Amino acid sequence: MSDRPSLARTLWQRRYLQLAAACLVAAAVCTAAGAWQYHRWQAKHAANGELRGSAAAAAVPVGRLLATDRPLPAADRFRMVTVRGTWDADGELYVRQRQVGNDIAFLVVTPLRTDGGTLLVVRGWQPATGSATQRPVTPPPPAGEVEVTGRAYPSETGGLGAGLPDRQIQRLDTAAIGRRLGASAYDGYVELAGQRPDPGTLPVLPAPDLTNPAGGADEWQHLSYVFQWFCFAALALAAPFVLAILERRQPAVREDRDGADLALTAD
C-alpha cells in the first residue's frame, strides 16, 4: 500500500503554493496580453472594413473630401473623387524610388489647376531605367479642360528632399509642393484612375491592394497572437498540477523498477 500523499496534499505544500502564486501572476499577464491583442484585432478589422468601404463607395466631388486648409479624413483614403481643371505641364514633378509591381519607378505628379485650388495628381508612372540624375521622358498631359477621376490619399510629410536632380522629389508632401509652385494646394493628392475627354497614354497606377489596407500586421496575425497568449495562460495555470502529478508518479516508477531488479536477482 502506497504512503504517497494525495494530489491535494502535494499541492498544499509551501513550494507548490509559491509556484501556483507565480503561475497565477503569469496567467494574468498572458490573459491581459491576449485581451489587448483581441482589441487590436477588433480595431484593425474595423479600420480595414472602413477603408474597403471607402474604396468601393461612389465617387464624390473632390471638394467634399479635400480642401486647401483641411487634411483628408483617415477613413476616406482610397475614396474616388471627380474634379474638373486644366493640367499644368510646366509644374510636373517626379517622385523617385517608388515600387510599382516589380519595378522601381518614378511617379509622375502633375498639378491640376481647379477653381478650388491646385490639386496634385499622380498622373501615372514610368520605370526608372536610366541613371539617378535622369528623369523619364513622359507623354505630356492633354491640353484644355479635363474631368479627372481618381483615388484620394493624404499628403506625405517630411519635405521634398534636398540635393536632388531637377524636378525630382523624394516625397509627395503637398504643402511643400504648393510652396514650390507658389500655389494654394489641396491638403492631399489623387491617383489618377481616368480622365475625359482624352484618357492619355501614360500608364496609371494599379488599384491599391485591399487585403490589409490599414497596414501593419494582418488581421490573422492579431488573432494568432490572441490564441497564443491564451494558450500560455492555460499552460501557466496547469503547470502546478502537471508538476505535482509527475512528482507523485516518481515513487511509483521507482518502486516498480526496484521490484523488477529484485525479481531478476532472485532468478
Protein backbone atom coordinates (compact mmCIF):
# COMPACT_ATOMS: atom_id res chain seq x y z
CA MET A 1 0.00 0.00 0.00
CA SER A 2 1.48 3.34 -1.04
CA ASP A 3 2.12 6.03 1.55
CA ARG A 4 2.29 8.77 -1.08
CA PRO A 5 0.38 11.98 -0.19
CA SER A 6 -2.73 12.79 -2.15
CA LEU A 7 -2.62 15.25 -5.02
CA ALA A 8 -4.38 17.84 -2.85
CA ARG A 9 -1.85 17.43 -0.02
CA THR A 10 1.01 17.70 -2.53
CA LEU A 11 -0.40 20.91 -3.91
CA TRP A 12 -0.77 22.34 -0.40
CA GLN A 13 2.97 22.11 0.16
CA ARG A 14 4.61 25.50 0.51
CA ARG A 15 6.73 25.20 -2.62
CA TYR A 16 3.66 24.35 -4.70
CA LEU A 17 1.72 27.26 -3.22
CA GLN A 18 4.59 29.57 -4.17
CA LEU A 19 4.69 28.07 -7.66
CA ALA A 20 0.92 28.45 -8.01
CA ALA A 21 1.11 32.11 -7.00
CA ALA A 22 3.81 32.77 -9.60
CA CYS A 23 1.82 30.90 -12.25
CA LEU A 24 -1.34 32.89 -11.42
CA VAL A 25 0.59 36.12 -11.97
CA ALA A 26 1.96 34.78 -15.27
CA ALA A 27 -1.52 33.66 -16.36
CA ALA A 28 -2.95 37.09 -15.53
CA VAL A 29 -0.25 38.82 -17.58
CA CYS A 30 -0.82 36.45 -20.53
CA THR A 31 -4.59 36.93 -20.32
CA ALA A 32 -4.17 40.71 -20.32
CA ALA A 33 -1.86 40.46 -23.35
CA GLY A 34 -4.39 38.25 -25.14
CA ALA A 35 -7.21 40.70 -24.40
CA TRP A 36 -5.06 43.57 -25.70
CA GLN A 37 -4.36 41.70 -28.92
CA TYR A 38 -8.07 40.95 -29.27
CA HIS A 39 -8.86 44.67 -29.03
CA ARG A 40 -6.14 45.35 -31.59
CA TRP A 41 -7.73 42.80 -33.91
CA GLN A 42 -11.12 44.47 -33.47
CA ALA A 43 -9.62 47.87 -34.30
CA LYS A 44 -7.73 46.52 -37.33
CA HIS A 45 -10.83 44.66 -38.56
CA ALA A 46 -12.91 47.83 -38.26
CA ALA A 47 -10.26 50.01 -39.96
CA ASN A 48 -9.86 47.58 -42.85
CA GLY A 49 -13.61 47.35 -43.31
CA GLU A 50 -13.91 51.13 -43.29
CA LEU A 51 -11.18 51.57 -45.91
CA ARG A 52 -12.58 48.82 -48.14
CA GLY A 53 -15.96 50.51 -47.92
CA SER A 54 -14.34 53.83 -48.85
CA ALA A 55 -12.68 52.27 -51.91
CA ALA A 56 -15.97 50.74 -53.05
CA ALA A 57 -18.09 53.86 -52.49
CA ALA A 58 -19.35 56.03 -55.34
CA ALA A 59 -17.16 58.90 -56.48
CA VAL A 60 -17.81 62.35 -55.00
CA PRO A 61 -16.65 65.85 -56.00
CA VAL A 62 -13.15 66.48 -54.72
CA GLY A 63 -14.30 69.42 -52.58
CA ARG A 64 -16.31 67.01 -50.42
CA LEU A 65 -13.10 65.41 -49.16
CA LEU A 66 -10.13 67.65 -49.88
CA ALA A 67 -9.50 71.31 -49.20
CA THR A 68 -6.51 73.63 -49.07
CA ASP A 69 -6.90 74.05 -45.30
CA ARG A 70 -8.18 70.64 -44.24
CA PRO A 71 -6.41 67.25 -44.44
CA LEU A 72 -8.14 64.21 -45.87
CA PRO A 73 -10.05 62.28 -43.16
CA ALA A 74 -8.32 58.97 -42.47
CA ALA A 75 -11.48 56.97 -43.19
CA ASP A 76 -11.75 58.48 -46.70
CA ARG A 77 -8.45 57.20 -48.03
CA PHE A 78 -8.98 55.39 -51.37
CA ARG A 79 -12.31 57.20 -51.95
CA MET A 80 -12.90 58.00 -55.59
CA VAL A 81 -13.27 61.70 -56.38
CA THR A 82 -14.03 63.70 -59.51
CA VAL A 83 -12.73 67.14 -60.44
CA ARG A 84 -12.50 69.42 -63.48
CA GLY A 85 -9.46 71.51 -64.34
CA THR A 86 -6.51 72.04 -66.64
CA TRP A 87 -3.13 70.37 -66.41
CA ASP A 88 -0.05 72.43 -65.56
CA ALA A 89 2.64 70.58 -67.52
CA ASP A 90 5.34 73.10 -66.53
CA GLY A 91 4.86 72.24 -62.85
CA GLU A 92 5.20 68.47 -63.33
CA LEU A 93 7.38 66.66 -60.77
CA TYR A 94 8.75 63.15 -60.39
CA VAL A 95 8.69 61.20 -57.12
CA ARG A 96 11.71 58.92 -57.19
CA GLN A 97 12.37 55.40 -55.88
CA ARG A 98 8.83 54.07 -55.66
CA GLN A 99 7.83 50.43 -56.08
CA VAL A 100 5.20 49.68 -58.72
CA GLY A 101 4.72 45.95 -59.11
CA ASN A 102 8.24 44.58 -59.60
CA ASP A 103 9.63 47.86 -60.94
CA ILE A 104 11.46 50.73 -59.27
CA ALA A 105 9.64 53.70 -60.72
CA PHE A 106 9.07 57.41 -60.87
CA LEU A 107 5.61 58.67 -60.00
CA VAL A 108 4.59 61.43 -62.39
CA VAL A 109 2.90 64.19 -60.36
CA THR A 110 1.15 66.85 -62.42
CA PRO A 111 -0.67 69.84 -60.88
CA LEU A 112 -4.28 70.23 -61.94
CA ARG A 113 -5.49 73.82 -61.78
CA THR A 114 -9.06 73.88 -60.48
CA ASP A 115 -11.48 76.52 -59.24
CA GLY A 116 -10.80 75.42 -55.64
CA GLY A 117 -7.02 75.42 -55.86
CA THR A 118 -4.19 73.30 -57.21
CA LEU A 119 -4.78 69.57 -56.95
CA LEU A 120 -1.70 67.36 -57.16
CA VAL A 121 -2.44 64.30 -59.26
CA VAL A 122 -0.26 61.23 -59.69
CA ARG A 123 -0.96 61.10 -63.41
CA GLY A 124 0.88 57.80 -63.82
CA TRP A 125 4.30 56.22 -63.55
CA GLN A 126 7.41 55.38 -65.53
CA PRO A 127 10.10 52.77 -64.78
CA ALA A 128 13.43 54.12 -63.54
CA THR A 129 15.71 52.78 -66.26
CA GLY A 130 18.37 55.49 -66.52
CA SER A 131 20.91 56.94 -64.12
CA ALA A 132 19.89 58.55 -60.84
CA THR A 133 20.16 62.03 -62.40
CA GLN A 134 17.86 61.22 -65.31
CA ARG A 135 14.13 61.64 -65.17
CA PRO A 136 11.92 59.71 -67.54
CA VAL A 137 10.53 61.11 -70.77
CA THR A 138 6.77 61.10 -70.31
CA PRO A 139 3.92 61.88 -72.67
CA PRO A 140 2.58 65.35 -71.91
CA PRO A 141 -0.86 65.77 -70.36
CA PRO A 142 -3.70 66.72 -72.71
CA ALA A 143 -4.37 70.42 -73.23
CA GLY A 144 -7.63 72.06 -72.34
CA GLU A 145 -10.12 71.29 -69.59
CA VAL A 146 -10.38 67.68 -68.45
CA GLU A 147 -12.54 65.80 -65.98
CA VAL A 148 -10.40 63.64 -63.73
CA THR A 149 -11.43 60.65 -61.63
CA GLY A 150 -9.04 59.23 -59.07
CA ARG A 151 -8.39 57.87 -55.58
CA ALA A 152 -7.80 60.33 -52.74
CA TYR A 153 -4.76 59.97 -50.47
CA PRO A 154 -3.45 62.01 -47.52
CA SER A 155 -0.36 64.12 -48.05
CA GLU A 156 3.02 62.65 -47.25
CA THR A 157 5.22 64.56 -44.84
CA GLY A 158 8.91 65.34 -44.46
CA GLY A 159 9.54 67.78 -47.27
CA LEU A 160 10.68 67.16 -50.83
CA GLY A 161 14.26 66.07 -50.18
CA ALA A 162 17.47 68.02 -50.65
CA GLY A 163 20.12 67.99 -53.35
CA LEU A 164 18.02 66.12 -55.90
CA PRO A 165 18.17 66.46 -59.69
CA ASP A 166 15.87 68.90 -61.46
CA ARG A 167 12.16 68.21 -60.90
CA GLN A 168 12.82 65.11 -58.81
CA ILE A 169 11.38 64.89 -55.30
CA GLN A 170 11.57 62.31 -52.53
CA ARG A 171 8.10 62.64 -51.01
CA LEU A 172 4.68 63.76 -52.13
CA ASP A 173 4.40 66.49 -49.49
CA THR A 174 1.55 68.59 -50.89
CA ALA A 175 2.22 71.65 -48.71
CA ALA A 176 5.88 71.72 -49.73
CA ILE A 177 4.98 71.25 -53.40
CA GLY A 178 2.43 74.05 -53.16
CA ARG A 179 5.10 76.38 -51.78
CA ARG A 180 7.45 75.35 -54.57
CA LEU A 181 4.78 76.07 -57.17
CA GLY A 182 3.66 79.27 -55.44
CA ALA A 183 0.11 77.93 -55.43
CA SER A 184 -2.60 77.10 -52.91
CA ALA A 185 -2.58 73.30 -52.98
CA TYR A 186 -5.13 70.85 -51.63
CA ASP A 187 -4.03 69.06 -48.45
CA GLY A 188 -3.94 65.62 -50.05
CA TYR A 189 -3.45 64.23 -53.53
CA VAL A 190 -5.19 62.00 -56.05
CA GLU A 191 -4.01 58.95 -58.00
CA LEU A 192 -5.47 59.15 -61.48
CA ALA A 193 -7.88 56.39 -62.48
CA GLY A 194 -9.30 58.02 -65.60
CA GLN A 195 -9.84 61.30 -67.42
CA ARG A 196 -12.07 62.73 -70.12
CA PRO A 197 -12.11 63.60 -72.92
CA ASP A 198 -8.53 62.38 -73.51
CA PRO A 199 -7.54 59.31 -71.43
CA GLY A 200 -3.84 59.90 -72.15
CA THR A 201 -1.16 57.28 -72.80
CA LEU A 202 0.80 57.36 -69.53
CA PRO A 203 0.24 54.11 -67.57
CA VAL A 204 -1.76 54.76 -64.40
CA LEU A 205 -1.01 53.16 -61.05
CA PRO A 206 -2.74 49.86 -60.27
CA ALA A 207 -5.63 49.81 -57.82
CA PRO A 208 -4.49 49.51 -54.19
CA ASP A 209 -4.17 46.13 -52.51
CA LEU A 210 -7.08 45.97 -50.07
CA THR A 211 -6.15 42.73 -48.29
CA ASN A 212 -4.84 44.81 -45.38
CA PRO A 213 -5.42 48.46 -46.32
CA ALA A 214 -4.83 49.84 -42.81
CA GLY A 215 -1.26 48.50 -42.92
CA GLY A 216 0.78 46.86 -40.16
CA ALA A 217 0.14 43.30 -39.02
CA ASP A 218 -2.59 41.36 -40.82
CA GLU A 219 -5.84 40.58 -39.04
CA TRP A 220 -5.00 36.87 -38.83
CA GLN A 221 -1.71 37.71 -37.10
CA HIS A 222 -3.54 39.52 -34.31
CA LEU A 223 -5.89 36.54 -33.91
CA SER A 224 -2.95 34.15 -33.78
CA TYR A 225 -1.40 36.28 -31.02
CA VAL A 226 -4.70 36.12 -29.10
CA PHE A 227 -4.67 32.31 -29.34
CA GLN A 228 -1.01 32.10 -28.31
CA TRP A 229 -1.39 34.33 -25.25
CA PHE A 230 -4.45 32.46 -24.01
CA CYS A 231 -2.62 29.17 -24.53
CA PHE A 232 0.28 30.48 -22.45
CA ALA A 233 -2.20 31.47 -19.72
CA ALA A 234 -3.72 27.98 -19.73
CA LEU A 235 -0.26 26.39 -19.56
CA ALA A 236 0.68 28.60 -16.62
CA LEU A 237 -2.47 27.58 -14.73
CA ALA A 238 -1.90 23.90 -15.49
CA ALA A 239 1.80 23.87 -14.59
CA PRO A 240 1.46 23.26 -10.78
CA PHE A 241 -0.99 20.38 -11.33
CA VAL A 242 1.18 18.75 -14.00
CA LEU A 243 4.33 19.01 -11.89
CA ALA A 244 2.54 17.64 -8.81
CA ILE A 245 1.20 14.66 -10.78
CA LEU A 246 4.66 13.92 -12.20
CA GLU A 247 6.19 14.13 -8.73
CA ARG A 248 3.62 11.69 -7.34
CA ARG A 249 4.36 9.26 -10.18
CA GLN A 250 8.08 9.17 -9.49
CA PRO A 251 7.91 6.97 -6.32
CA ALA A 252 5.63 4.51 -8.13
CA VAL A 253 8.03 4.27 -11.03
CA ARG A 254 10.95 3.81 -8.63
CA GLU A 255 9.07 1.05 -6.72
CA ASP A 256 8.29 -0.78 -9.96
CA ARG A 257 11.92 -0.56 -11.02
CA ASP A 258 13.16 -1.80 -7.64
CA GLY A 259 10.69 -4.68 -7.74
CA ALA A 260 11.87 -5.72 -11.17
CA ASP A 261 15.52 -5.63 -10.02
CA LEU A 262 14.69 -7.90 -7.03
CA ALA A 263 12.92 -10.38 -9.28
CA LEU A 264 15.93 -10.57 -11.58
CA THR A 265 18.24 -11.10 -8.64
CA ALA A 266 16.06 -13.91 -7.30
CA ASP A 267 16.12 -15.64 -10.65
